[in-house]
C-alpha atoms as a PDB file:
ATOM      1  CA  UNK A   1    -145.366 -96.368 -57.662  1.00  0.00           C
ATOM      2  CA  UNK A   2    -148.416 -97.153 -59.830  1.00  0.00           C
ATOM      3  CA  UNK A   3    -150.746-100.168 -59.148  1.00  0.00           C
ATOM      4  CA  UNK A   4    -149.072-102.331 -61.951  1.00  0.00           C
ATOM      5  CA  UNK A   5    -145.644-101.808 -59.987  1.00  0.00           C
ATOM      6  CA  UNK A   6    -147.377-102.677 -56.596  1.00  0.00           C
ATOM      7  CA  UNK A   7    -148.861-105.875 -58.233  1.00  0.00           C
ATOM      8  CA  UNK A   8    -145.422-107.122 -59.602  1.00  0.00           C
ATOM      9  CA  UNK A   9    -143.729-106.425 -56.440  1.00  0.00           C
ATOM     10  CA  UNK A  10    -146.368-108.276 -54.616  1.00  0.00           C
ATOM     11  CA  UNK A  11    -145.764-111.351 -57.067  1.00  0.00           C
ATOM     12  CA  UNK A  12    -141.964-111.241 -56.612  1.00  0.00           C
ATOM     13  CA  UNK A  13    -142.360-111.204 -52.674  1.00  0.00           C
ATOM     14  CA  UNK A  14    -144.610-114.220 -53.028  1.00  0.00           C
ATOM     15  CA  UNK A  15    -142.156-116.070 -55.304  1.00  0.00           C
ATOM     16  CA  UNK A  16    -139.226-115.412 -52.997  1.00  0.00           C
ATOM     17  CA  UNK A  17    -140.995-116.325 -49.951  1.00  0.00           C
ATOM     18  CA  UNK A  18    -142.238-119.587 -51.587  1.00  0.00           C
ATOM     19  CA  UNK A  19    -138.795-120.377 -52.743  1.00  0.00           C
ATOM     20  CA  UNK A  20    -136.862-119.444 -49.377  1.00  0.00           C
ATOM     21  CA  UNK A  21    -139.430-120.769 -46.721  1.00  0.00           C
ATOM     22  CA  UNK A  22    -140.792-124.243 -46.338  1.00  0.00           C
ATOM     23  CA  UNK A  23    -143.850-122.889 -47.995  1.00  0.00           C
ATOM     24  CA  UNK A  24    -147.313-124.428 -47.872  1.00  0.00           C
ATOM     25  CA  UNK A  25    -147.286-128.160 -48.010  1.00  0.00           C
ATOM     26  CA  UNK A  26    -149.724-129.748 -50.454  1.00  0.00           C
ATOM     27  CA  UNK A  27    -153.244-130.270 -48.950  1.00  0.00           C
ATOM     28  CA  UNK A  28    -156.899-130.738 -49.775  1.00  0.00           C
ATOM     29  CA  UNK A  29    -160.097-129.760 -48.044  1.00  0.00           C
ATOM     30  CA  UNK A  30    -161.361-133.425 -48.763  1.00  0.00           C
ATOM     31  CA  UNK A  31    -158.705-134.838 -46.391  1.00  0.00           C
ATOM     32  CA  UNK A  32    -161.031-137.692 -45.920  1.00  0.00           C
ATOM     33  CA  UNK A  33    -160.778-138.469 -49.750  1.00  0.00           C
ATOM     34  CA  UNK A  34    -157.132-138.182 -49.767  1.00  0.00           C
ATOM     35  CA  UNK A  35    -156.224-140.614 -47.101  1.00  0.00           C
ATOM     36  CA  UNK A  36    -152.583-141.350 -47.924  1.00  0.00           C
ATOM     37  CA  UNK A  37    -151.528-137.692 -47.752  1.00  0.00           C
ATOM     38  CA  UNK A  38    -153.240-137.311 -44.436  1.00  0.00           C
ATOM     39  CA  UNK A  39    -151.603-140.438 -42.711  1.00  0.00           C
ATOM     40  CA  UNK A  40    -149.848-143.283 -44.031  1.00  0.00           C
ATOM     41  CA  UNK A  41    -151.343-145.555 -41.521  1.00  0.00           C
ATOM     42  CA  UNK A  42    -154.553-145.155 -43.840  1.00  0.00           C
ATOM     43  CA  UNK A  43    -152.844-147.429 -46.391  1.00  0.00           C
ATOM     44  CA  UNK A  44    -155.005-150.465 -46.758  1.00  0.00           C
ATOM     45  CA  UNK A  45    -157.340-149.093 -44.102  1.00  0.00           C
ATOM     46  CA  UNK A  46    -160.561-149.516 -46.088  1.00  0.00           C
ATOM     47  CA  UNK A  47    -163.684-150.345 -44.144  1.00  0.00           C
ATOM     48  CA  UNK A  48    -166.071-150.936 -47.028  1.00  0.00           C
ATOM     49  CA  UNK A  49    -163.519-152.744 -49.504  1.00  0.00           C
ATOM     50  CA  UNK A  50    -160.157-154.368 -50.177  1.00  0.00           C
ATOM     51  CA  UNK A  51    -158.465-151.844 -52.513  1.00  0.00           C
ATOM     52  CA  UNK A  52    -159.169-148.300 -53.789  1.00  0.00           C
ATOM     53  CA  UNK A  53    -157.941-145.778 -56.442  1.00  0.00           C
ATOM     54  CA  UNK A  54    -158.338-142.148 -56.314  1.00  0.00           C
ATOM     55  CA  UNK A  55    -157.583-138.746 -57.816  1.00  0.00           C
ATOM     56  CA  UNK A  56    -157.651-135.255 -56.443  1.00  0.00           C
ATOM     57  CA  UNK A  57    -157.721-131.962 -58.057  1.00  0.00           C
ATOM     58  CA  UNK A  58    -157.689-128.509 -56.445  1.00  0.00           C
ATOM     59  CA  UNK A  59    -157.658-125.107 -58.004  1.00  0.00           C
ATOM     60  CA  UNK A  60    -157.061-122.439 -55.289  1.00  0.00           C
ATOM     61  CA  UNK A  61    -156.991-118.638 -55.820  1.00  0.00           C
ATOM     62  CA  UNK A  62    -157.569-118.686 -59.439  1.00  0.00           C
ATOM     63  CA  UNK A  63    -158.990-115.130 -59.350  1.00  0.00           C
ATOM     64  CA  UNK A  64    -155.743-113.635 -58.458  1.00  0.00           C
ATOM     65  CA  UNK A  65    -152.425-113.632 -60.425  1.00  0.00           C
ATOM     66  CA  UNK A  66    -150.836-116.334 -58.293  1.00  0.00           C
ATOM     67  CA  UNK A  67    -153.132-119.410 -58.300  1.00  0.00           C
ATOM     68  CA  UNK A  68    -152.212-122.893 -56.595  1.00  0.00           C
ATOM     69  CA  UNK A  69    -153.182-125.913 -58.669  1.00  0.00           C
ATOM     70  CA  UNK A  70    -152.770-129.181 -56.861  1.00  0.00           C
ATOM     71  CA  UNK A  71    -153.287-132.631 -58.401  1.00  0.00           C
ATOM     72  CA  UNK A  72    -152.840-136.162 -56.814  1.00  0.00           C
ATOM     73  CA  UNK A  73    -153.381-139.866 -57.676  1.00  0.00           C
ATOM     74  CA  UNK A  74    -153.251-142.676 -55.080  1.00  0.00           C
ATOM     75  CA  UNK A  75    -153.931-146.392 -54.829  1.00  0.00           C
ATOM     76  CA  UNK A  76    -153.715-148.858 -52.059  1.00  0.00           C
ATOM     77  CA  UNK A  77    -154.851-152.420 -51.282  1.00  0.00           C
ATOM     78  CA  UNK A  78    -154.852-155.030 -48.513  1.00  0.00           C
ATOM     79  CA  UNK A  79    -152.650-158.054 -48.378  1.00  0.00           C
ATOM     80  CA  UNK A  80    -152.919-161.451 -46.250  1.00  0.00           C
ATOM     81  CA  UNK A  81    -156.608-160.876 -45.077  1.00  0.00           C
ATOM     82  CA  UNK A  82    -157.028-164.458 -46.015  1.00  0.00           C
ATOM     83  CA  UNK A  83    -153.807-165.565 -43.870  1.00  0.00           C
ATOM     84  CA  UNK A  84    -153.927-163.093 -40.758  1.00  0.00           C
ATOM     85  CA  UNK A  85    -156.887-164.084 -38.567  1.00  0.00           C
ATOM     86  CA  UNK A  86    -156.958-160.695 -36.808  1.00  0.00           C
ATOM     87  CA  UNK A  87    -155.054-158.406 -39.016  1.00  0.00           C
ATOM     88  CA  UNK A  88    -153.655-157.496 -42.576  1.00  0.00           C
ATOM     89  CA  UNK A  89    -151.048-155.281 -44.253  1.00  0.00           C
ATOM     90  CA  UNK A  90    -151.853-152.440 -46.412  1.00  0.00           C
ATOM     91  CA  UNK A  91    -149.663-151.442 -49.522  1.00  0.00           C
ATOM     92  CA  UNK A  92    -150.018-148.300 -51.541  1.00  0.00           C
ATOM     93  CA  UNK A  93    -148.466-145.355 -53.300  1.00  0.00           C
ATOM     94  CA  UNK A  94    -149.282-141.711 -54.529  1.00  0.00           C
ATOM     95  CA  UNK A  95    -148.060-139.069 -56.593  1.00  0.00           C
ATOM     96  CA  UNK A  96    -148.585-135.437 -56.019  1.00  0.00           C
ATOM     97  CA  UNK A  97    -148.069-132.037 -58.163  1.00  0.00           C
ATOM     98  CA  UNK A  98    -148.567-128.684 -57.349  1.00  0.00           C
ATOM     99  CA  UNK A  99    -148.010-125.526 -59.639  1.00  0.00           C
ATOM    100  CA  UNK A 100    -148.070-121.939 -58.279  1.00  0.00           C
ATOM    101  CA  UNK A 101    -147.297-118.485 -58.877  1.00  0.00           C
ATOM    102  CA  UNK A 102    -145.841-116.439 -62.020  1.00  0.00           C
ATOM    103  CA  UNK A 103    -142.487-118.369 -61.857  1.00  0.00           C
ATOM    104  CA  UNK A 104    -144.472-121.820 -62.288  1.00  0.00           C
ATOM    105  CA  UNK A 105    -143.237-122.982 -58.832  1.00  0.00           C
ATOM    106  CA  UNK A 106    -143.617-126.730 -59.403  1.00  0.00           C
ATOM    107  CA  UNK A 107    -143.678-129.424 -56.621  1.00  0.00           C
ATOM    108  CA  UNK A 108    -143.600-132.958 -57.621  1.00  0.00           C
ATOM    109  CA  UNK A 109    -143.657-136.036 -55.080  1.00  0.00           C
ATOM    110  CA  UNK A 110    -143.864-139.815 -55.275  1.00  0.00           C
ATOM    111  CA  UNK A 111    -144.146-141.973 -52.337  1.00  0.00           C
ATOM    112  CA  UNK A 112    -144.742-145.658 -51.531  1.00  0.00           C
ATOM    113  CA  UNK A 113    -146.335-146.671 -48.261  1.00  0.00           C
ATOM    114  CA  UNK A 114    -146.779-149.622 -45.925  1.00  0.00           C
ATOM    115  CA  UNK A 115    -149.145-150.123 -42.909  1.00  0.00           C
ATOM    116  CA  UNK A 116    -150.094-152.866 -40.598  1.00  0.00           C
ATOM    117  CA  UNK A 117    -153.606-153.091 -39.252  1.00  0.00           C
ATOM    118  CA  UNK A 118    -154.384-155.167 -36.029  1.00  0.00           C
ATOM    119  CA  UNK A 119    -157.896-155.949 -34.648  1.00  0.00           C
ATOM    120  CA  UNK A 120    -158.183-155.506 -30.867  1.00  0.00           C
ATOM    121  CA  UNK A 121    -161.082-157.614 -29.889  1.00  0.00           C
ATOM    122  CA  UNK A 122    -164.179-157.277 -31.834  1.00  0.00           C
ATOM    123  CA  UNK A 123    -164.892-153.486 -31.689  1.00  0.00           C
ATOM    124  CA  UNK A 124    -161.513-151.865 -32.361  1.00  0.00           C
ATOM    125  CA  UNK A 125    -158.519-151.760 -34.665  1.00  0.00           C
ATOM    126  CA  UNK A 126    -154.973-150.149 -34.326  1.00  0.00           C
ATOM    127  CA  UNK A 127    -152.973-149.336 -37.502  1.00  0.00           C
ATOM    128  CA  UNK A 128    -149.338-148.034 -37.871  1.00  0.00           C
ATOM    129  CA  UNK A 129    -147.869-146.928 -41.143  1.00  0.00           C
ATOM    130  CA  UNK A 130    -144.939-145.368 -42.776  1.00  0.00           C
ATOM    131  CA  UNK A 131    -144.326-144.003 -46.304  1.00  0.00           C
ATOM    132  CA  UNK A 132    -141.110-142.614 -48.054  1.00  0.00           C
ATOM    133  CA  UNK A 133    -140.270-141.302 -51.382  1.00  0.00           C
ATOM    134  CA  UNK A 134    -138.621-138.531 -53.541  1.00  0.00           C
ATOM    135  CA  UNK A 135    -139.835-134.871 -53.601  1.00  0.00           C
ATOM    136  CA  UNK A 136    -138.444-132.143 -55.885  1.00  0.00           C
ATOM    137  CA  UNK A 137    -139.312-128.452 -56.550  1.00  0.00           C
ATOM    138  CA  UNK A 138    -138.410-126.362 -59.683  1.00  0.00           C
ATOM    139  CA  UNK A 139    -138.994-122.743 -60.642  1.00  0.00           C
ATOM    140  CA  UNK A 140    -138.790-120.902 -63.937  1.00  0.00           C
ATOM    141  CA  UNK A 141    -136.381-118.150 -63.225  1.00  0.00           C
ATOM    142  CA  UNK A 142    -136.999-116.546 -66.610  1.00  0.00           C
ATOM    143  CA  UNK A 143    -140.498-115.630 -65.557  1.00  0.00           C
ATOM    144  CA  UNK A 144    -139.629-113.930 -62.333  1.00  0.00           C
ATOM    145  CA  UNK A 145    -139.206-110.261 -61.618  1.00  0.00           C
ATOM    146  CA  UNK A 146    -137.833-108.768 -58.540  1.00  0.00           C
ATOM    147  CA  UNK A 147    -137.887-105.390 -56.717  1.00  0.00           C
ATOM    148  CA  UNK A 148    -134.386-104.320 -57.669  1.00  0.00           C
ATOM    149  CA  UNK A 149    -135.582-104.582 -61.383  1.00  0.00           C
ATOM    150  CA  UNK A 150    -137.790-101.757 -61.292  1.00  0.00           C
ATOM    151  CA  UNK A 151    -136.611 -99.065 -63.555  1.00  0.00           C
ATOM    152  CA  UNK A 152    -138.963 -96.197 -62.411  1.00  0.00           C
ATOM    153  CA  UNK A 153    -141.574 -97.076 -65.008  1.00  0.00           C
ATOM    154  CA  UNK A 154    -141.677-100.792 -65.396  1.00  0.00           C
ATOM    155  CA  UNK A 155    -139.814-103.968 -64.263  1.00  0.00           C
ATOM    156  CA  UNK A 156    -137.049-104.633 -66.575  1.00  0.00           C
ATOM    157  CA  UNK A 157    -135.835-108.344 -66.864  1.00  0.00           C
ATOM    158  CA  UNK A 158    -132.706-106.928 -68.493  1.00  0.00           C
ATOM    159  CA  UNK A 159    -131.615-105.280 -65.240  1.00  0.00           C
ATOM    160  CA  UNK A 160    -129.667-107.715 -63.147  1.00  0.00           C
ATOM    161  CA  UNK A 161    -131.046-108.755 -59.992  1.00  0.00           C
ATOM    162  CA  UNK A 162    -129.232-108.998 -56.583  1.00  0.00           C
ATOM    163  CA  UNK A 163    -131.216-111.977 -55.092  1.00  0.00           C
ATOM    164  CA  UNK A 164    -128.700-114.646 -54.428  1.00  0.00           C
ATOM    165  CA  UNK A 165    -130.507-117.783 -56.181  1.00  0.00           C
ATOM    166  CA  UNK A 166    -128.010-120.646 -56.640  1.00  0.00           C
ATOM    167  CA  UNK A 167    -130.204-123.239 -58.350  1.00  0.00           C
ATOM    168  CA  UNK A 168    -133.718-123.392 -60.067  1.00  0.00           C
ATOM    169  CA  UNK A 169    -134.411-126.943 -58.828  1.00  0.00           C
ATOM    170  CA  UNK A 170    -134.045-129.126 -55.589  1.00  0.00           C
ATOM    171  CA  UNK A 171    -134.728-132.769 -54.910  1.00  0.00           C
ATOM    172  CA  UNK A 172    -134.722-134.647 -51.585  1.00  0.00           C
ATOM    173  CA  UNK A 173    -135.788-137.836 -49.804  1.00  0.00           C
ATOM    174  CA  UNK A 174    -138.894-137.699 -47.405  1.00  0.00           C
ATOM    175  CA  UNK A 175    -140.123-139.671 -44.928  1.00  0.00           C
ATOM    176  CA  UNK A 176    -143.575-139.789 -42.893  1.00  0.00           C
ATOM    177  CA  UNK A 177    -145.229-142.051 -40.192  1.00  0.00           C
ATOM    178  CA  UNK A 178    -148.493-142.324 -38.507  1.00  0.00           C
ATOM    179  CA  UNK A 179    -150.950-144.089 -36.476  1.00  0.00           C
ATOM    180  CA  UNK A 180    -154.692-144.738 -36.422  1.00  0.00           C
ATOM    181  CA  UNK A 181    -157.253-146.025 -34.092  1.00  0.00           C
ATOM    182  CA  UNK A 182    -160.860-147.130 -35.246  1.00  0.00           C
ATOM    183  CA  UNK A 183    -163.626-147.909 -32.757  1.00  0.00           C
ATOM    184  CA  UNK A 184    -166.880-149.318 -33.800  1.00  0.00           C
ATOM    185  CA  UNK A 185    -168.908-150.683 -30.815  1.00  0.00           C
ATOM    186  CA  UNK A 186    -171.986-151.489 -32.966  1.00  0.00           C
ATOM    187  CA  UNK A 187    -173.465-151.296 -36.387  1.00  0.00           C
ATOM    188  CA  UNK A 188    -174.528-147.784 -35.852  1.00  0.00           C
ATOM    189  CA  UNK A 189    -171.325-145.875 -34.747  1.00  0.00           C
ATOM    190  CA  UNK A 190    -167.962-145.854 -36.357  1.00  0.00           C
ATOM    191  CA  UNK A 191    -165.017-143.502 -35.149  1.00  0.00           C
ATOM    192  CA  UNK A 192    -161.577-143.107 -36.406  1.00  0.00           C
ATOM    193  CA  UNK A 193    -158.758-141.023 -34.969  1.00  0.00           C
ATOM    194  CA  UNK A 194    -155.273-140.674 -36.242  1.00  0.00           C
ATOM    195  CA  UNK A 195    -151.799-138.771 -35.819  1.00  0.00           C
ATOM    196  CA  UNK A 196    -149.092-138.571 -38.313  1.00  0.00           C
ATOM    197  CA  UNK A 197    -145.817-136.772 -38.507  1.00  0.00           C
ATOM    198  CA  UNK A 198    -144.510-135.569 -42.110  1.00  0.00           C
ATOM    199  CA  UNK A 199    -140.849-134.870 -43.096  1.00  0.00           C
ATOM    200  CA  UNK A 200    -139.541-136.821 -40.085  1.00  0.00           C
ATOM    201  CA  UNK A 201    -135.977-136.394 -41.587  1.00  0.00           C
ATOM    202  CA  UNK A 202    -136.261-132.478 -42.020  1.00  0.00           C
ATOM    203  CA  UNK A 203    -134.737-132.638 -45.623  1.00  0.00           C
ATOM    204  CA  UNK A 204    -132.947-129.571 -46.918  1.00  0.00           C
ATOM    205  CA  UNK A 205    -134.892-127.580 -49.355  1.00  0.00           C
ATOM    206  CA  UNK A 206    -133.801-124.208 -50.702  1.00  0.00           C
ATOM    207  CA  UNK A 207    -133.160-122.384 -53.850  1.00  0.00           C
ATOM    208  CA  UNK A 208    -130.724-120.091 -51.960  1.00  0.00           C
ATOM    209  CA  UNK A 209    -127.530-120.488 -50.220  1.00  0.00           C
ATOM    210  CA  UNK A 210    -127.866-121.814 -46.804  1.00  0.00           C
ATOM    211  CA  UNK A 211    -129.265-124.807 -45.197  1.00  0.00           C
ATOM    212  CA  UNK A 212    -132.974-124.164 -45.033  1.00  0.00           C
ATOM    213  CA  UNK A 213    -134.934-127.517 -44.175  1.00  0.00           C
ATOM    214  CA  UNK A 214    -138.501-128.550 -44.307  1.00  0.00           C
ATOM    215  CA  UNK A 215    -139.750-128.462 -40.836  1.00  0.00           C
ATOM    216  CA  UNK A 216    -141.690-131.430 -39.488  1.00  0.00           C
ATOM    217  CA  UNK A 217    -145.495-131.213 -40.041  1.00  0.00           C
ATOM    218  CA  UNK A 218    -147.926-132.752 -37.333  1.00  0.00           C
ATOM    219  CA  UNK A 219    -151.378-133.792 -38.430  1.00  0.00           C
ATOM    220  CA  UNK A 220    -154.269-134.938 -36.410  1.00  0.00           C
ATOM    221  CA  UNK A 221    -157.603-136.037 -37.733  1.00  0.00           C
ATOM    222  CA  UNK A 222    -161.004-137.430 -36.553  1.00  0.00           C
ATOM    223  CA  UNK A 223    -163.621-139.249 -38.689  1.00  0.00           C
ATOM    224  CA  UNK A 224    -167.001-140.686 -37.552  1.00  0.00           C
ATOM    225  CA  UNK A 225    -170.003-141.925 -39.119  1.00  0.00           C
ATOM    226  CA  UNK A 226    -173.335-142.336 -37.342  1.00  0.00           C
ATOM    227  CA  UNK A 227    -176.371-144.119 -38.673  1.00  0.00           C
ATOM    228  CA  UNK A 228    -179.208-141.645 -38.058  1.00  0.00           C
ATOM    229  CA  UNK A 229    -181.756-143.848 -39.917  1.00  0.00           C
ATOM    230  CA  UNK A 230    -181.979-146.432 -42.875  1.00  0.00           C
ATOM    231  CA  UNK A 231    -181.669-143.363 -45.170  1.00  0.00           C
ATOM    232  CA  UNK A 232    -179.173-140.939 -43.514  1.00  0.00           C
ATOM    233  CA  UNK A 233    -175.677-141.467 -42.136  1.00  0.00           C
ATOM    234  CA  UNK A 234    -174.008-138.495 -40.613  1.00  0.00           C
ATOM    235  CA  UNK A 235    -170.183-138.069 -41.154  1.00  0.00           C
ATOM    236  CA  UNK A 236    -168.636-135.454 -38.680  1.00  0.00           C
ATOM    237  CA  UNK A 237    -164.898-134.779 -38.912  1.00  0.00           C
ATOM    238  CA  UNK A 238    -162.052-132.630 -38.038  1.00  0.00           C
ATOM    239  CA  UNK A 239    -158.484-132.119 -39.213  1.00  0.00           C
ATOM    240  CA  UNK A 240    -155.584-130.111 -37.632  1.00  0.00           C
ATOM    241  CA  UNK A 241    -152.173-129.329 -38.902  1.00  0.00           C
ATOM    242  CA  UNK A 242    -149.182-127.610 -37.544  1.00  0.00           C
ATOM    243  CA  UNK A 243    -145.898-126.781 -39.342  1.00  0.00           C
ATOM    244  CA  UNK A 244    -143.455-124.374 -38.030  1.00  0.00           C
ATOM    245  CA  UNK A 245    -145.578-121.212 -37.138  1.00  0.00           C
ATOM    246  CA  UNK A 246    -148.352-122.322 -39.479  1.00  0.00           C
ATOM    247  CA  UNK A 247    -151.636-123.929 -38.236  1.00  0.00           C
ATOM    248  CA  UNK A 248    -154.562-125.320 -39.938  1.00  0.00           C
ATOM    249  CA  UNK A 249    -157.866-126.390 -38.301  1.00  0.00           C
ATOM    250  CA  UNK A 250    -160.851-127.704 -40.118  1.00  0.00           C
ATOM    251  CA  UNK A 251    -164.200-128.836 -38.610  1.00  0.00           C
ATOM    252  CA  UNK A 252    -167.425-129.837 -40.349  1.00  0.00           C
ATOM    253  CA  UNK A 253    -169.646-132.674 -41.330  1.00  0.00           C
ATOM    254  CA  UNK A 254    -171.296-134.228 -44.362  1.00  0.00           C
ATOM    255  CA  UNK A 255    -174.387-136.386 -44.558  1.00  0.00           C
ATOM    256  CA  UNK A 256    -175.032-139.306 -46.989  1.00  0.00           C
ATOM    257  CA  UNK A 257    -178.716-139.790 -48.039  1.00  0.00           C
ATOM    258  CA  UNK A 258    -179.341-143.257 -49.355  1.00  0.00           C
ATOM    259  CA  UNK A 259    -181.335-142.895 -52.610  1.00  0.00           C
ATOM    260  CA  UNK A 260    -181.740-146.724 -53.565  1.00  0.00           C
ATOM    261  CA  UNK A 261    -182.396-148.217 -50.118  1.00  0.00           C
ATOM    262  CA  UNK A 262    -179.418-150.545 -50.526  1.00  0.00           C
ATOM    263  CA  UNK A 263    -176.730-147.893 -50.608  1.00  0.00           C
ATOM    264  CA  UNK A 264    -175.818-148.511 -54.178  1.00  0.00           C
ATOM    265  CA  UNK A 265    -176.846-144.838 -54.877  1.00  0.00           C
ATOM    266  CA  UNK A 266    -176.078-142.057 -52.180  1.00  0.00           C
ATOM    267  CA  UNK A 267    -176.312-138.308 -52.214  1.00  0.00           C
ATOM    268  CA  UNK A 268    -173.761-136.165 -50.068  1.00  0.00           C
ATOM    269  CA  UNK A 269    -174.113-132.741 -48.750  1.00  0.00           C
ATOM    270  CA  UNK A 270    -171.899-130.997 -46.183  1.00  0.00           C
ATOM    271  CA  UNK A 271    -170.425-127.877 -44.754  1.00  0.00           C
ATOM    272  CA  UNK A 272    -166.878-127.465 -43.045  1.00  0.00           C
ATOM    273  CA  UNK A 273    -165.044-124.416 -41.737  1.00  0.00           C
ATOM    274  CA  UNK A 274    -161.294-123.797 -41.911  1.00  0.00           C
ATOM    275  CA  UNK A 275    -160.451-121.682 -39.111  1.00  0.00           C
ATOM    276  CA  UNK A 276    -159.369-117.842 -40.309  1.00  0.00           C
ATOM    277  CA  UNK A 277    -159.405-119.066 -43.906  1.00  0.00           C
ATOM    278  CA  UNK A 278    -162.571-120.422 -45.484  1.00  0.00           C
ATOM    279  CA  UNK A 279    -166.106-121.909 -45.476  1.00  0.00           C
ATOM    280  CA  UNK A 280    -166.328-125.028 -47.462  1.00  0.00           C
ATOM    281  CA  UNK A 281    -169.564-126.284 -49.059  1.00  0.00           C
ATOM    282  CA  UNK A 282    -169.469-130.010 -50.211  1.00  0.00           C
ATOM    283  CA  UNK A 283    -171.752-132.015 -52.536  1.00  0.00           C
ATOM    284  CA  UNK A 284    -171.114-135.556 -53.770  1.00  0.00           C
ATOM    285  CA  UNK A 285    -172.795-138.656 -55.434  1.00  0.00           C
ATOM    286  CA  UNK A 286    -171.987-142.138 -55.000  1.00  0.00           C
ATOM    287  CA  UNK A 287    -172.959-144.922 -57.515  1.00  0.00           C
ATOM    288  CA  UNK A 288    -171.756-148.372 -56.543  1.00  0.00           C
ATOM    289  CA  UNK A 289    -168.136-148.394 -56.064  1.00  0.00           C
ATOM    290  CA  UNK A 290    -167.627-144.786 -57.340  1.00  0.00           C
ATOM    291  CA  UNK A 291    -167.900-141.811 -55.172  1.00  0.00           C
ATOM    292  CA  UNK A 292    -167.516-138.149 -56.612  1.00  0.00           C
ATOM    293  CA  UNK A 293    -167.370-135.260 -54.296  1.00  0.00           C
ATOM    294  CA  UNK A 294    -167.011-131.537 -55.052  1.00  0.00           C
ATOM    295  CA  UNK A 295    -166.378-128.777 -52.820  1.00  0.00           C
ATOM    296  CA  UNK A 296    -166.168-125.000 -53.045  1.00  0.00           C
ATOM    297  CA  UNK A 297    -164.100-122.814 -50.550  1.00  0.00           C
ATOM    298  CA  UNK A 298    -165.410-119.390 -49.937  1.00  0.00           C
ATOM    299  CA  UNK A 299    -162.558-117.056 -48.483  1.00  0.00           C
ATOM    300  CA  UNK A 300    -163.267-115.543 -44.968  1.00  0.00           C
ATOM    301  CA  UNK A 301    -159.689-114.184 -44.298  1.00  0.00           C
ATOM    302  CA  UNK A 302    -158.376-110.998 -45.370  1.00  0.00           C
ATOM    303  CA  UNK A 303    -157.699-112.222 -48.778  1.00  0.00           C
ATOM    304  CA  UNK A 304    -161.306-111.930 -49.491  1.00  0.00           C
ATOM    305  CA  UNK A 305    -160.818-108.348 -50.646  1.00  0.00           C
ATOM    306  CA  UNK A 306    -158.269-109.439 -53.246  1.00  0.00           C
ATOM    307  CA  UNK A 307    -160.106-112.652 -54.497  1.00  0.00           C
ATOM    308  CA  UNK A 308    -163.789-111.531 -54.025  1.00  0.00           C
ATOM    309  CA  UNK A 309    -164.192-114.589 -51.857  1.00  0.00           C
ATOM    310  CA  UNK A 310    -163.341-116.943 -54.534  1.00  0.00           C
ATOM    311  CA  UNK A 311    -161.082-119.425 -52.599  1.00  0.00           C
ATOM    312  CA  UNK A 312    -160.892-122.618 -54.246  1.00  0.00           C
ATOM    313  CA  UNK A 313    -162.811-125.553 -55.856  1.00  0.00           C
ATOM    314  CA  UNK A 314    -161.741-129.241 -55.492  1.00  0.00           C
ATOM    315  CA  UNK A 315    -162.683-132.430 -56.979  1.00  0.00           C
ATOM    316  CA  UNK A 316    -162.263-135.921 -55.361  1.00  0.00           C
ATOM    317  CA  UNK A 317    -163.009-139.191 -57.086  1.00  0.00           C
ATOM    318  CA  UNK A 318    -162.553-142.469 -55.379  1.00  0.00           C
ATOM    319  CA  UNK A 319    -163.199-146.098 -56.427  1.00  0.00           C
ATOM    320  CA  UNK A 320    -163.331-148.825 -53.855  1.00  0.00           C
ATOM    321  CA  UNK A 321    -163.419-152.489 -54.726  1.00  0.00           C
ATOM    322  CA  UNK A 322    -163.457-156.168 -53.311  1.00  0.00           C
ATOM    323  CA  UNK A 323    -161.272-158.868 -54.466  1.00  0.00           C
ATOM    324  CA  UNK A 324    -163.350-161.500 -56.397  1.00  0.00           C
ATOM    325  CA  UNK A 325    -161.145-164.331 -55.554  1.00  0.00           C
ATOM    326  CA  UNK A 326    -161.421-163.879 -51.814  1.00  0.00           C
ATOM    327  CA  UNK A 327    -164.290-164.485 -49.461  1.00  0.00           C
ATOM    328  CA  UNK A 328    -164.811-163.541 -45.917  1.00  0.00           C
ATOM    329  CA  UNK A 329    -167.465-164.734 -43.386  1.00  0.00           C
ATOM    330  CA  UNK A 330    -170.045-162.178 -42.217  1.00  0.00           C
ATOM    331  CA  UNK A 331    -168.846-162.250 -38.819  1.00  0.00           C
ATOM    332  CA  UNK A 332    -165.446-161.533 -39.908  1.00  0.00           C
ATOM    333  CA  UNK A 333    -166.534-158.664 -41.899  1.00  0.00           C
ATOM    334  CA  UNK A 334    -168.820-157.263 -39.235  1.00  0.00           C
ATOM    335  CA  UNK A 335    -165.598-156.951 -37.089  1.00  0.00           C
ATOM    336  CA  UNK A 336    -163.901-154.616 -39.467  1.00  0.00           C
ATOM    337  CA  UNK A 337    -166.730-151.945 -40.120  1.00  0.00           C
ATOM    338  CA  UNK A 338    -170.286-151.470 -39.284  1.00  0.00           C
ATOM    339  CA  UNK A 339    -172.854-152.780 -41.755  1.00  0.00           C
ATOM    340  CA  UNK A 340    -174.120-149.498 -42.807  1.00  0.00           C
END
């Protein structure tokens, strides 16, 4: 079999695996700029504002014939901050879309989320959140070729396939839950740790006969902000996810450099590493309430031989705002986040 035949066979195998298994859940290297996908308890957890809106875009493996393109948009805001003395409610929602492979395997998800945040004294905060929504996947069967359609010279779509595919789209209800804990003992240190469980209801998802379900995905993360000086803030972080037999571990940090002296303009630079997968370089710029970050993932796994180490690039844009019609005392604000 020549190289072209081998390529098409690989494409077919990748598509079948993606359709039959739970596959790769949508994810971003900038997990800290995609708060609602990381943990529903992040809904309304906005240390430097009352509401935020964000978009994320990830283009992965574009140098090989089966790229992943993932997009998301989210928004969340705080409620009852002027009514509850030691807590508030967060409400939000997000939409995610992912397109991959020769068959345009498309995943579309829409969720609504709610969380409650309770201050514990003057230096810590506990949050509990849930989200629920609709998820669906579809594939264009006319664009797929399988191993049993090889005629000895090329893949022939006119040859019937023996693959037992019963439908080209699936839809299901999905449910997530999570908890967060934030600790801020003084104006120079801020630590946030969280844990969430996705697909609690293990929904059925398959294009084939059978009862294949989406296994639960467990996510843990740690973020911190450490004020090194009036100019520099260090933001270390870690992310861990496990789903069925797949695991993901990411560690690293970014630093913010204060360009304007008052925090209105900041420059970011960072380095992260996803174990057995990629080295991630990050840069960013913040102007007032807008923060834009760009990262590039350099493949370090065995896939590097196929994609020449061109793993992925990703963009994250987040706008954070304050309600104009609500005011809070300085003492009250200082109990919610350090005054960086």
